[in-house]
N, C-alpha and C. Protein backbone atom coordinates (compact mmCIF):
# COMPACT_ATOMS: atom_id res chain seq x y z
N MET A 1 -120.72 -59.94 56.27
CA MET A 1 -119.71 -60.94 56.49
C MET A 1 -120.35 -62.32 56.55
N ASN A 2 -119.64 -63.29 56.05
CA ASN A 2 -120.14 -64.66 56.08
C ASN A 2 -120.22 -65.15 57.51
N ASN A 3 -121.20 -66.01 57.78
CA ASN A 3 -121.30 -66.62 59.09
C ASN A 3 -120.41 -67.85 59.10
N TYR A 4 -119.30 -67.79 59.80
CA TYR A 4 -118.35 -68.89 59.78
C TYR A 4 -118.39 -69.71 61.07
N TYR A 5 -119.49 -69.65 61.80
CA TYR A 5 -119.60 -70.44 63.03
C TYR A 5 -120.29 -71.78 62.80
N GLY A 6 -120.95 -71.97 61.66
CA GLY A 6 -121.68 -73.21 61.43
C GLY A 6 -120.99 -74.05 60.38
N GLY A 7 -121.60 -75.17 60.05
CA GLY A 7 -121.08 -76.02 58.98
C GLY A 7 -120.23 -77.16 59.49
N ASP A 8 -119.65 -77.89 58.53
CA ASP A 8 -118.88 -79.09 58.85
C ASP A 8 -117.41 -78.82 59.14
N GLN A 9 -116.92 -77.66 58.78
CA GLN A 9 -115.51 -77.35 58.99
C GLN A 9 -115.25 -77.00 60.44
N ASN A 10 -113.99 -77.17 60.86
CA ASN A 10 -113.67 -76.73 62.22
C ASN A 10 -113.51 -75.21 62.23
N LEU A 11 -113.50 -74.64 63.40
CA LEU A 11 -113.46 -73.18 63.54
C LEU A 11 -112.24 -72.59 62.85
N ALA A 12 -111.08 -73.20 63.01
CA ALA A 12 -109.86 -72.66 62.41
C ALA A 12 -109.99 -72.58 60.89
N GLU A 13 -110.55 -73.61 60.26
CA GLU A 13 -110.73 -73.60 58.80
C GLU A 13 -111.70 -72.50 58.37
N ARG A 14 -112.76 -72.33 59.11
CA ARG A 14 -113.75 -71.30 58.75
C ARG A 14 -113.17 -69.90 58.90
N ILE A 15 -112.42 -69.69 59.96
CA ILE A 15 -111.80 -68.37 60.16
C ILE A 15 -110.76 -68.12 59.09
N GLU A 16 -109.98 -69.13 58.75
CA GLU A 16 -108.97 -68.97 57.70
C GLU A 16 -109.62 -68.57 56.38
N GLU A 17 -110.73 -69.19 56.04
CA GLU A 17 -111.43 -68.85 54.81
C GLU A 17 -112.00 -67.43 54.84
N ALA A 18 -112.39 -66.98 56.01
CA ALA A 18 -112.99 -65.65 56.14
C ALA A 18 -111.95 -64.56 56.40
N PHE A 19 -110.68 -64.94 56.58
CA PHE A 19 -109.66 -63.98 57.01
C PHE A 19 -109.47 -62.82 56.05
N ILE A 20 -109.42 -63.07 54.76
CA ILE A 20 -109.21 -61.98 53.80
C ILE A 20 -110.32 -60.95 53.93
N GLU A 21 -111.55 -61.43 54.07
CA GLU A 21 -112.68 -60.51 54.23
C GLU A 21 -112.57 -59.76 55.56
N ILE A 22 -112.21 -60.46 56.61
CA ILE A 22 -112.06 -59.83 57.93
C ILE A 22 -110.95 -58.79 57.89
N GLU A 23 -109.83 -59.14 57.26
CA GLU A 23 -108.71 -58.21 57.16
C GLU A 23 -109.10 -56.95 56.39
N SER A 24 -109.82 -57.13 55.30
CA SER A 24 -110.28 -56.00 54.49
C SER A 24 -111.23 -55.12 55.31
N GLU A 25 -112.16 -55.75 55.99
CA GLU A 25 -113.10 -55.01 56.83
C GLU A 25 -112.38 -54.24 57.93
N THR A 26 -111.29 -54.80 58.43
CA THR A 26 -110.52 -54.14 59.49
C THR A 26 -109.93 -52.83 58.99
N GLY A 27 -109.33 -52.86 57.80
CA GLY A 27 -108.77 -51.64 57.22
C GLY A 27 -109.83 -50.58 56.99
N VAL A 28 -110.96 -51.00 56.46
CA VAL A 28 -112.07 -50.07 56.21
C VAL A 28 -112.58 -49.51 57.54
N TYR A 29 -112.76 -50.38 58.52
CA TYR A 29 -113.24 -49.94 59.83
C TYR A 29 -112.30 -48.89 60.43
N LEU A 30 -111.00 -49.17 60.39
CA LEU A 30 -110.05 -48.24 60.97
C LEU A 30 -110.02 -46.91 60.23
N ARG A 31 -110.11 -46.94 58.91
CA ARG A 31 -110.14 -45.68 58.14
C ARG A 31 -111.37 -44.85 58.48
N GLU A 32 -112.49 -45.52 58.76
CA GLU A 32 -113.74 -44.81 59.04
C GLU A 32 -113.93 -44.44 60.50
N ASN A 33 -113.23 -45.12 61.42
CA ASN A 33 -113.51 -44.94 62.85
C ASN A 33 -112.33 -44.53 63.71
N ASP A 34 -111.15 -44.51 63.14
CA ASP A 34 -109.96 -44.16 63.92
C ASP A 34 -109.28 -42.97 63.24
N ASN A 35 -109.37 -41.79 63.85
CA ASN A 35 -108.83 -40.58 63.24
C ASN A 35 -107.33 -40.67 62.97
N GLU A 36 -106.59 -41.27 63.90
CA GLU A 36 -105.14 -41.40 63.73
C GLU A 36 -104.84 -42.29 62.51
N PHE A 37 -105.54 -43.41 62.41
CA PHE A 37 -105.34 -44.32 61.28
C PHE A 37 -105.74 -43.64 59.98
N ALA A 38 -106.87 -42.94 59.97
CA ALA A 38 -107.34 -42.26 58.76
C ALA A 38 -106.33 -41.22 58.30
N LYS A 39 -105.75 -40.50 59.23
CA LYS A 39 -104.74 -39.50 58.88
C LYS A 39 -103.51 -40.18 58.27
N MET A 40 -103.07 -41.28 58.88
CA MET A 40 -101.92 -42.01 58.33
C MET A 40 -102.23 -42.56 56.95
N TRP A 41 -103.44 -43.08 56.78
CA TRP A 41 -103.85 -43.64 55.48
C TRP A 41 -103.78 -42.57 54.39
N LYS A 42 -104.29 -41.39 54.71
CA LYS A 42 -104.28 -40.29 53.75
C LYS A 42 -102.84 -39.90 53.41
N GLU A 43 -101.99 -39.78 54.42
CA GLU A 43 -100.59 -39.42 54.18
C GLU A 43 -99.88 -40.51 53.37
N HIS A 44 -100.19 -41.75 53.66
CA HIS A 44 -99.66 -42.91 52.95
C HIS A 44 -99.99 -42.82 51.46
N ILE A 45 -101.23 -42.52 51.15
CA ILE A 45 -101.68 -42.39 49.75
C ILE A 45 -101.01 -41.19 49.09
N GLU A 46 -100.92 -40.08 49.80
CA GLU A 46 -100.27 -38.88 49.24
C GLU A 46 -98.81 -39.15 48.90
N LEU A 47 -98.11 -39.87 49.78
CA LEU A 47 -96.71 -40.22 49.50
C LEU A 47 -96.60 -41.14 48.28
N GLN A 48 -97.54 -42.08 48.15
CA GLN A 48 -97.54 -42.97 46.99
C GLN A 48 -97.69 -42.16 45.69
N LYS A 49 -98.57 -41.18 45.72
CA LYS A 49 -98.82 -40.37 44.52
C LYS A 49 -97.64 -39.47 44.20
N LYS A 50 -97.07 -38.84 45.22
CA LYS A 50 -95.99 -37.90 45.00
C LYS A 50 -94.67 -38.60 44.69
N TYR A 51 -94.43 -39.76 45.32
CA TYR A 51 -93.19 -40.51 45.14
C TYR A 51 -93.52 -41.97 44.80
N PRO A 52 -93.90 -42.25 43.57
CA PRO A 52 -94.28 -43.63 43.20
C PRO A 52 -93.19 -44.66 43.48
N ILE A 53 -91.96 -44.21 43.57
CA ILE A 53 -90.87 -45.15 43.81
C ILE A 53 -90.97 -45.81 45.18
N VAL A 54 -91.61 -45.14 46.16
CA VAL A 54 -91.72 -45.74 47.49
C VAL A 54 -92.55 -47.02 47.46
N VAL A 55 -93.54 -47.07 46.58
CA VAL A 55 -94.35 -48.28 46.45
C VAL A 55 -93.49 -49.40 45.85
N GLU A 56 -92.76 -49.05 44.80
CA GLU A 56 -91.90 -50.05 44.16
C GLU A 56 -90.86 -50.59 45.12
N LEU A 57 -90.28 -49.71 45.94
CA LEU A 57 -89.25 -50.13 46.88
C LEU A 57 -89.80 -50.95 48.03
N SER A 58 -91.07 -50.82 48.31
CA SER A 58 -91.66 -51.59 49.41
C SER A 58 -92.10 -52.98 48.97
N GLU A 59 -92.01 -53.26 47.68
CA GLU A 59 -92.37 -54.58 47.16
C GLU A 59 -91.10 -55.44 47.07
N PRO A 60 -91.16 -56.68 47.53
CA PRO A 60 -89.98 -57.55 47.45
C PRO A 60 -89.68 -57.97 46.01
N ASN A 61 -88.42 -58.27 45.76
CA ASN A 61 -87.97 -58.80 44.46
C ASN A 61 -88.35 -57.90 43.29
N ASN A 62 -88.20 -56.63 43.47
CA ASN A 62 -88.54 -55.70 42.40
C ASN A 62 -87.28 -55.32 41.65
N GLU A 63 -87.36 -55.24 40.34
CA GLU A 63 -86.21 -54.89 39.51
C GLU A 63 -85.73 -53.46 39.74
N VAL A 64 -86.52 -52.64 40.37
CA VAL A 64 -86.15 -51.24 40.60
C VAL A 64 -84.90 -51.13 41.47
N TYR A 65 -84.59 -52.17 42.25
CA TYR A 65 -83.41 -52.12 43.12
C TYR A 65 -82.12 -52.01 42.33
N LYS A 66 -82.11 -52.55 41.13
CA LYS A 66 -80.91 -52.54 40.32
C LYS A 66 -80.59 -51.10 39.91
N ASP A 67 -79.37 -50.67 40.12
CA ASP A 67 -78.92 -49.32 39.75
C ASP A 67 -79.81 -48.23 40.36
N LEU A 68 -80.17 -48.40 41.60
CA LEU A 68 -81.07 -47.46 42.27
C LEU A 68 -80.33 -46.25 42.79
N HIS A 69 -80.88 -45.09 42.54
CA HIS A 69 -80.35 -43.83 43.06
C HIS A 69 -81.53 -43.00 43.54
N LEU A 70 -81.52 -42.69 44.83
CA LEU A 70 -82.58 -41.86 45.40
C LEU A 70 -82.03 -40.48 45.74
N SER A 71 -82.84 -39.48 45.48
CA SER A 71 -82.48 -38.14 45.95
C SER A 71 -82.69 -38.11 47.46
N ALA A 72 -82.17 -37.08 48.11
CA ALA A 72 -82.37 -36.95 49.56
C ALA A 72 -83.86 -36.84 49.88
N GLU A 73 -84.60 -36.13 49.04
CA GLU A 73 -86.04 -35.97 49.25
C GLU A 73 -86.77 -37.31 49.09
N GLU A 74 -86.38 -38.10 48.09
CA GLU A 74 -86.99 -39.42 47.88
C GLU A 74 -86.65 -40.35 49.03
N HIS A 75 -85.42 -40.27 49.53
CA HIS A 75 -85.02 -41.11 50.66
C HIS A 75 -85.83 -40.76 51.89
N GLU A 76 -86.00 -39.48 52.15
CA GLU A 76 -86.81 -39.03 53.29
C GLU A 76 -88.25 -39.51 53.14
N ALA A 77 -88.81 -39.41 51.92
CA ALA A 77 -90.18 -39.88 51.68
C ALA A 77 -90.28 -41.39 51.89
N LEU A 78 -89.27 -42.13 51.46
CA LEU A 78 -89.28 -43.59 51.64
C LEU A 78 -89.28 -43.95 53.12
N VAL A 79 -88.42 -43.32 53.89
CA VAL A 79 -88.36 -43.60 55.33
C VAL A 79 -89.70 -43.29 55.98
N LYS A 80 -90.28 -42.15 55.64
CA LYS A 80 -91.58 -41.76 56.20
C LYS A 80 -92.67 -42.74 55.79
N TYR A 81 -92.69 -43.10 54.50
CA TYR A 81 -93.68 -44.04 53.96
C TYR A 81 -93.61 -45.38 54.67
N LEU A 82 -92.40 -45.91 54.83
CA LEU A 82 -92.25 -47.21 55.49
C LEU A 82 -92.65 -47.14 56.96
N GLY A 83 -92.37 -46.02 57.62
CA GLY A 83 -92.78 -45.84 59.01
C GLY A 83 -94.29 -45.82 59.14
N ILE A 84 -94.95 -45.09 58.26
CA ILE A 84 -96.41 -45.03 58.27
C ILE A 84 -97.00 -46.40 57.98
N LYS A 85 -96.45 -47.06 56.97
CA LYS A 85 -96.94 -48.39 56.60
C LYS A 85 -96.81 -49.37 57.77
N CYS A 86 -95.69 -49.33 58.46
CA CYS A 86 -95.45 -50.21 59.61
C CYS A 86 -96.46 -49.92 60.73
N GLU A 87 -96.68 -48.64 61.03
CA GLU A 87 -97.61 -48.28 62.09
C GLU A 87 -99.04 -48.68 61.74
N MET A 88 -99.42 -48.50 60.49
CA MET A 88 -100.77 -48.90 60.06
C MET A 88 -100.94 -50.41 60.19
N GLU A 89 -99.92 -51.17 59.81
CA GLU A 89 -99.99 -52.62 59.93
C GLU A 89 -100.11 -53.03 61.40
N ARG A 90 -99.39 -52.33 62.29
CA ARG A 90 -99.48 -52.63 63.72
C ARG A 90 -100.89 -52.38 64.24
N MET A 91 -101.49 -51.28 63.80
CA MET A 91 -102.86 -50.95 64.23
C MET A 91 -103.85 -51.98 63.70
N GLU A 92 -103.66 -52.42 62.47
CA GLU A 92 -104.55 -53.44 61.90
C GLU A 92 -104.41 -54.76 62.65
N LYS A 93 -103.19 -55.15 62.99
CA LYS A 93 -102.97 -56.39 63.74
C LYS A 93 -103.63 -56.32 65.12
N LYS A 94 -103.51 -55.17 65.76
CA LYS A 94 -104.13 -54.99 67.08
C LYS A 94 -105.64 -55.15 66.97
N ARG A 95 -106.22 -54.53 65.96
CA ARG A 95 -107.67 -54.63 65.74
C ARG A 95 -108.07 -56.08 65.47
N LEU A 96 -107.29 -56.78 64.65
CA LEU A 96 -107.59 -58.19 64.36
C LEU A 96 -107.46 -59.05 65.61
N TYR A 97 -106.48 -58.74 66.44
CA TYR A 97 -106.28 -59.49 67.68
C TYR A 97 -107.52 -59.40 68.57
N PHE A 98 -108.01 -58.17 68.76
CA PHE A 98 -109.19 -58.01 69.59
C PHE A 98 -110.44 -58.55 68.92
N ARG A 99 -110.49 -58.47 67.61
CA ARG A 99 -111.61 -59.06 66.86
C ARG A 99 -111.64 -60.57 67.09
N GLY A 100 -110.47 -61.18 67.14
CA GLY A 100 -110.39 -62.62 67.41
C GLY A 100 -110.98 -63.00 68.75
N HIS A 101 -110.71 -62.18 69.76
CA HIS A 101 -111.28 -62.44 71.08
C HIS A 101 -112.80 -62.36 71.03
N LYS A 102 -113.29 -61.36 70.36
CA LYS A 102 -114.75 -61.19 70.25
C LYS A 102 -115.36 -62.37 69.50
N ASP A 103 -114.76 -62.76 68.38
CA ASP A 103 -115.28 -63.88 67.60
C ASP A 103 -115.21 -65.19 68.40
N SER A 104 -114.14 -65.38 69.17
CA SER A 104 -114.03 -66.59 69.99
C SER A 104 -115.12 -66.64 71.04
N PHE A 105 -115.39 -65.52 71.66
CA PHE A 105 -116.44 -65.46 72.67
C PHE A 105 -117.80 -65.77 72.04
N ASN A 106 -118.07 -65.18 70.86
CA ASN A 106 -119.33 -65.46 70.17
C ASN A 106 -119.44 -66.93 69.80
N TYR A 107 -118.33 -67.54 69.44
CA TYR A 107 -118.32 -68.97 69.12
C TYR A 107 -118.67 -69.79 70.36
N LEU A 108 -118.09 -69.44 71.50
CA LEU A 108 -118.41 -70.15 72.74
C LEU A 108 -119.88 -70.01 73.10
N ILE A 109 -120.43 -68.83 72.90
CA ILE A 109 -121.85 -68.63 73.17
C ILE A 109 -122.68 -69.59 72.32
N LYS A 110 -122.32 -69.72 71.06
CA LYS A 110 -123.07 -70.58 70.14
C LYS A 110 -122.90 -72.06 70.48
N VAL A 111 -121.67 -72.46 70.73
CA VAL A 111 -121.38 -73.89 70.92
C VAL A 111 -121.74 -74.35 72.33
N VAL A 112 -121.35 -73.62 73.33
CA VAL A 112 -121.51 -74.05 74.71
C VAL A 112 -122.81 -73.53 75.31
N GLY A 113 -123.33 -72.49 74.75
CA GLY A 113 -124.56 -71.93 75.27
C GLY A 113 -124.34 -70.96 76.41
N ILE A 114 -123.16 -70.33 76.44
CA ILE A 114 -122.89 -69.32 77.46
C ILE A 114 -123.79 -68.13 77.18
N HIS A 115 -124.40 -67.61 78.21
CA HIS A 115 -125.28 -66.45 78.04
C HIS A 115 -124.75 -65.30 78.88
N ASN A 116 -124.82 -64.13 78.31
CA ASN A 116 -124.37 -62.93 79.00
C ASN A 116 -125.55 -62.42 79.83
N GLU A 117 -125.50 -62.69 81.11
CA GLU A 117 -126.60 -62.31 82.00
C GLU A 117 -126.16 -61.33 83.03
């Protein structure tokens, strides 16, 4: 990961530039270290493969909405897929939230010279 504590930019600008990388690392971290998240991720991918329409329906402004007809099985898969997707996003946000606290503390250590003694 890039070191975003130094340089001429303010902290908010540096974190904003590093956010995509941090967000990506968060998903990878959760898949590798959180069994519940890894299980949801796997099920999420399986639903995408078995019911490709769930991916299309989860994208905004998609032409697939026009004249849409779902079978009961496809509707059930869509509901399940969206529930899993929502829960995974919640877990990623929680991880990012706590990551922010850690990064803020590290920034204070660097700028103010706080030492953990």
